Amino acid sequence: MTPKGNSPIYPFLARRVTFLAFLAFLSWSRVETHTAETPAKESRQETTAKDPAKAAVAETSQPRPTQSNVSYGSHERQVLDFWRAASLQPTPLVFYIHGGGWVTGDKSLVAGLENYLEAGISVVSINYRYVTEAIVAEVKPPVQWPLNDAARALQFVRSKATEWNIDEARIGASGSSAGACSSLWLAFHSDRADTKSSDPVARKSTRLWCAAVRGAQTTLDPQQMKEWTPNSRYGGHAFGFMVDPSDTKSRDMQFAQFLAAREQVLPWIKEYSPFEHASADDPPIYLIYAAPPALGQDQKDPTHSANFGVKLQEKLRLVGVECELVYPGASEVRHSNMHDFLIEQLQTPPRTEQ
């Protein structure tokens, strides 16, 4: 109930809401401002999802979606928001996947949204089913839910191309942390289109024009992670190694068990780890991290270490795929942020083949 009149708690609540609004504004104003921006363990999307007061303020700090909570599946989290850029011609599109370790987060905020719309690029931001929900449902491996949802949502968006005035070819994925991992998996995986399906959505392509991501986990192989960053702890939950799916804080507590069981789950790792699918036919990639790499050394934030980026860039360069890696002190930086890269890539003329 809303406090009224002379209620003694009303001034306290008013001051608290004002303070939270101020904090939310400060957080939003810092997004995408420089290359050394620290990717928080839980991104802005996750923060607002946990705090309704901040979420209410955040919703007013960016344009309202053209369409909200559009269903691309039957689950309550299989929904997306769509922002339509003003254009007489079909527009490119940024396909945004929120972070949160696949155990939390929401589609409510999109980094760089106004930049894309001003550049004539439409935007979609998706929700997806969590790994924790998949564990409860006994789905194996649990990570297939968020990743398959990302692919399905992308196909759904392409099925709306005429209605939403979208150029089906020029779609670039973006996201942070787990959303970044999902984006790279889409970028590297072979096309999941089923051309013989009776479902018109399933017949659509899942290939991308480009991808730009922040704090990405480029591999889900625990052996690779330990070699690159000895104090790695991320990824076991994606394959069912989680103490308690009702407690998202327990996500990273079973890495040792995950590593010990690597051979048993190796087929799953090869299917769902982005690094496994990187090949010469992949689109341009942009990677940004908050701290410099130090291969073979413990990291302050091993889950978002630039070591992930160094090893992926090495592999992509070997096969001839463009990959820009950005971190404080990096050389050969051409784009200081994700949205500049995406806008440049998506504004290039359509290729003859996707």
Foldseek 3Di string as FASTA:
>chain_A
DQDDDVPVCNVVVVVVLVVLLVVLVVLLVPFFPFQQDAQDLAHNQQVCVVPVSSLVSLLVVDDAFPDFQCALDDDSQRGKTKHAADDPAQAAEEEEEEDDLLQGGDQRDDGCQVVQSVLRYMYMTGGWHGLLVQLVVVHAQSLCGRLVSSQSVLLVVLVCCVVRRHDNAAYEYEYEQVRLQSRLLLQQDDWQADCPDPDSSSNGTSHHQEYEYELYQQFLQLVVLCQFAVPDQARPSSRPPFDHSVDVVRRRVRSVVCNVCRVVCVVVRCNRRSLNRHALPGHAYEYGYNAAGDGPYHDPCSSRHCSSVVVSVVVNVVRPYHYHYTYVPDPPDDDRGRVVVSSVSSPDDDDPPD
